[in-house]
């Protein structure tokens, strides 16, 4: 967990995850980069934590976040499956 944030309780984590999912679904025009950044911030995850949860390398996730890679369809599916989409 990022030390700048106080940890969320399990119910708060669930609410944050649900809100993040709703936000991504409400904005189909968002790119993978925008979606990843929003999910990461909403769920208060570091890049390392999100990459580990998704089962992808941190470099892949950072490349997507910084716009150096568009990612593959498989990567997109992995990241969105992380939050239940």
C-alpha atoms as a PDB file:
ATOM      1  CA  UNK A   1       0.000   0.000   0.000  1.00  0.00           C
ATOM      2  CA  UNK A   2       1.230   3.462  -0.805  1.00  0.00           C
ATOM      3  CA  UNK A   3       2.343   5.101   2.433  1.00  0.00           C
ATOM      4  CA  UNK A   4       0.740   8.426   1.486  1.00  0.00           C
ATOM      5  CA  UNK A   5      -2.701   6.949   2.066  1.00  0.00           C
ATOM      6  CA  UNK A   6      -4.267   5.546   5.156  1.00  0.00           C
ATOM      7  CA  UNK A   7      -5.351   1.977   4.497  1.00  0.00           C
ATOM      8  CA  UNK A   8      -8.965   1.452   3.537  1.00  0.00           C
ATOM      9  CA  UNK A   9     -11.126  -0.949   5.493  1.00  0.00           C
ATOM     10  CA  UNK A  10     -12.427  -3.964   3.512  1.00  0.00           C
ATOM     11  CA  UNK A  11     -15.863  -2.364   2.964  1.00  0.00           C
ATOM     12  CA  UNK A  12     -14.186   0.845   1.783  1.00  0.00           C
ATOM     13  CA  UNK A  13     -11.942  -1.164  -0.555  1.00  0.00           C
ATOM     14  CA  UNK A  14     -15.003  -2.838  -2.045  1.00  0.00           C
ATOM     15  CA  UNK A  15     -16.734   0.520  -2.522  1.00  0.00           C
ATOM     16  CA  UNK A  16     -13.624   1.997  -4.175  1.00  0.00           C
ATOM     17  CA  UNK A  17     -13.382  -0.986  -6.520  1.00  0.00           C
ATOM     18  CA  UNK A  18     -17.077  -0.771  -7.452  1.00  0.00           C
ATOM     19  CA  UNK A  19     -16.776   2.963  -8.102  1.00  0.00           C
ATOM     20  CA  UNK A  20     -13.671   2.450 -10.240  1.00  0.00           C
ATOM     21  CA  UNK A  21     -15.510  -0.176 -12.317  1.00  0.00           C
ATOM     22  CA  UNK A  22     -18.514   2.113 -12.760  1.00  0.00           C
ATOM     23  CA  UNK A  23     -16.242   4.969 -13.832  1.00  0.00           C
ATOM     24  CA  UNK A  24     -14.481   2.849 -16.467  1.00  0.00           C
ATOM     25  CA  UNK A  25     -17.799   1.509 -17.781  1.00  0.00           C
ATOM     26  CA  UNK A  26     -19.223   5.039 -17.928  1.00  0.00           C
ATOM     27  CA  UNK A  27     -16.313   6.180 -20.128  1.00  0.00           C
ATOM     28  CA  UNK A  28     -15.901   3.743 -23.031  1.00  0.00           C
ATOM     29  CA  UNK A  29     -13.896   6.400 -24.875  1.00  0.00           C
ATOM     30  CA  UNK A  30     -11.026   6.117 -22.356  1.00  0.00           C
ATOM     31  CA  UNK A  31      -7.847   4.555 -23.645  1.00  0.00           C
ATOM     32  CA  UNK A  32      -6.164   1.667 -21.842  1.00  0.00           C
ATOM     33  CA  UNK A  33      -3.712   4.192 -20.409  1.00  0.00           C
ATOM     34  CA  UNK A  34      -6.480   6.366 -18.966  1.00  0.00           C
ATOM     35  CA  UNK A  35      -8.351   3.348 -17.616  1.00  0.00           C
ATOM     36  CA  UNK A  36      -5.254   1.888 -15.940  1.00  0.00           C
ATOM     37  CA  UNK A  37      -4.314   5.192 -14.328  1.00  0.00           C
ATOM     38  CA  UNK A  38      -7.854   5.710 -13.063  1.00  0.00           C
ATOM     39  CA  UNK A  39      -8.124   2.173 -11.678  1.00  0.00           C
ATOM     40  CA  UNK A  40      -4.742   2.426  -9.979  1.00  0.00           C
ATOM     41  CA  UNK A  41      -5.532   5.761  -8.351  1.00  0.00           C
ATOM     42  CA  UNK A  42      -9.085   4.827  -7.386  1.00  0.00           C
ATOM     43  CA  UNK A  43      -8.003   1.599  -5.751  1.00  0.00           C
ATOM     44  CA  UNK A  44      -4.956   3.272  -4.153  1.00  0.00           C
ATOM     45  CA  UNK A  45      -2.453   0.838  -5.635  1.00  0.00           C
ATOM     46  CA  UNK A  46       1.156   1.332  -6.614  1.00  0.00           C
ATOM     47  CA  UNK A  47       2.273   0.173 -10.041  1.00  0.00           C
ATOM     48  CA  UNK A  48       4.091  -2.753  -8.436  1.00  0.00           C
ATOM     49  CA  UNK A  49       0.982  -3.822  -6.503  1.00  0.00           C
ATOM     50  CA  UNK A  50      -1.306  -3.555  -9.515  1.00  0.00           C
ATOM     51  CA  UNK A  51       1.127  -5.439 -11.764  1.00  0.00           C
ATOM     52  CA  UNK A  52       1.491  -8.204  -9.188  1.00  0.00           C
ATOM     53  CA  UNK A  53      -2.284  -8.504  -8.767  1.00  0.00           C
ATOM     54  CA  UNK A  54      -2.790  -8.637 -12.537  1.00  0.00           C
ATOM     55  CA  UNK A  55       0.074 -11.075 -13.101  1.00  0.00           C
ATOM     56  CA  UNK A  56       1.911  -8.850 -15.566  1.00  0.00           C
ATOM     57  CA  UNK A  57       5.356  -7.299 -15.329  1.00  0.00           C
ATOM     58  CA  UNK A  58       5.716  -3.910 -13.727  1.00  0.00           C
ATOM     59  CA  UNK A  59       7.551  -2.695 -16.849  1.00  0.00           C
ATOM     60  CA  UNK A  60       4.545  -3.590 -19.016  1.00  0.00           C
ATOM     61  CA  UNK A  61       2.227  -1.699 -16.697  1.00  0.00           C
ATOM     62  CA  UNK A  62       4.549   1.322 -16.552  1.00  0.00           C
ATOM     63  CA  UNK A  63       4.846   1.368 -20.352  1.00  0.00           C
ATOM     64  CA  UNK A  64       1.048   1.456 -20.616  1.00  0.00           C
ATOM     65  CA  UNK A  65       0.741   4.160 -17.937  1.00  0.00           C
ATOM     66  CA  UNK A  66       3.322   6.350 -19.645  1.00  0.00           C
ATOM     67  CA  UNK A  67       1.883   5.889 -23.129  1.00  0.00           C
ATOM     68  CA  UNK A  68       4.908   4.038 -24.516  1.00  0.00           C
ATOM     69  CA  UNK A  69       2.801   0.953 -25.244  1.00  0.00           C
ATOM     70  CA  UNK A  70      -0.804   0.418 -26.189  1.00  0.00           C
ATOM     71  CA  UNK A  71      -0.689  -3.066 -24.696  1.00  0.00           C
ATOM     72  CA  UNK A  72      -2.186  -6.148 -26.235  1.00  0.00           C
ATOM     73  CA  UNK A  73      -5.750  -7.362 -26.099  1.00  0.00           C
ATOM     74  CA  UNK A  74      -4.604 -10.030 -23.634  1.00  0.00           C
ATOM     75  CA  UNK A  75      -2.999  -7.417 -21.375  1.00  0.00           C
ATOM     76  CA  UNK A  76      -6.139  -5.292 -21.567  1.00  0.00           C
ATOM     77  CA  UNK A  77      -8.271  -8.290 -20.571  1.00  0.00           C
ATOM     78  CA  UNK A  78      -5.938  -9.188 -17.696  1.00  0.00           C
ATOM     79  CA  UNK A  79      -6.028  -5.687 -16.267  1.00  0.00           C
ATOM     80  CA  UNK A  80      -9.798  -5.369 -16.552  1.00  0.00           C
ATOM     81  CA  UNK A  81     -10.332  -8.858 -15.116  1.00  0.00           C
ATOM     82  CA  UNK A  82      -8.403  -7.611 -12.093  1.00  0.00           C
ATOM     83  CA  UNK A  83     -11.394  -5.470 -11.168  1.00  0.00           C
ATOM     84  CA  UNK A  84     -14.071  -7.861 -12.365  1.00  0.00           C
ATOM     85  CA  UNK A  85     -14.759  -6.568 -15.889  1.00  0.00           C
END
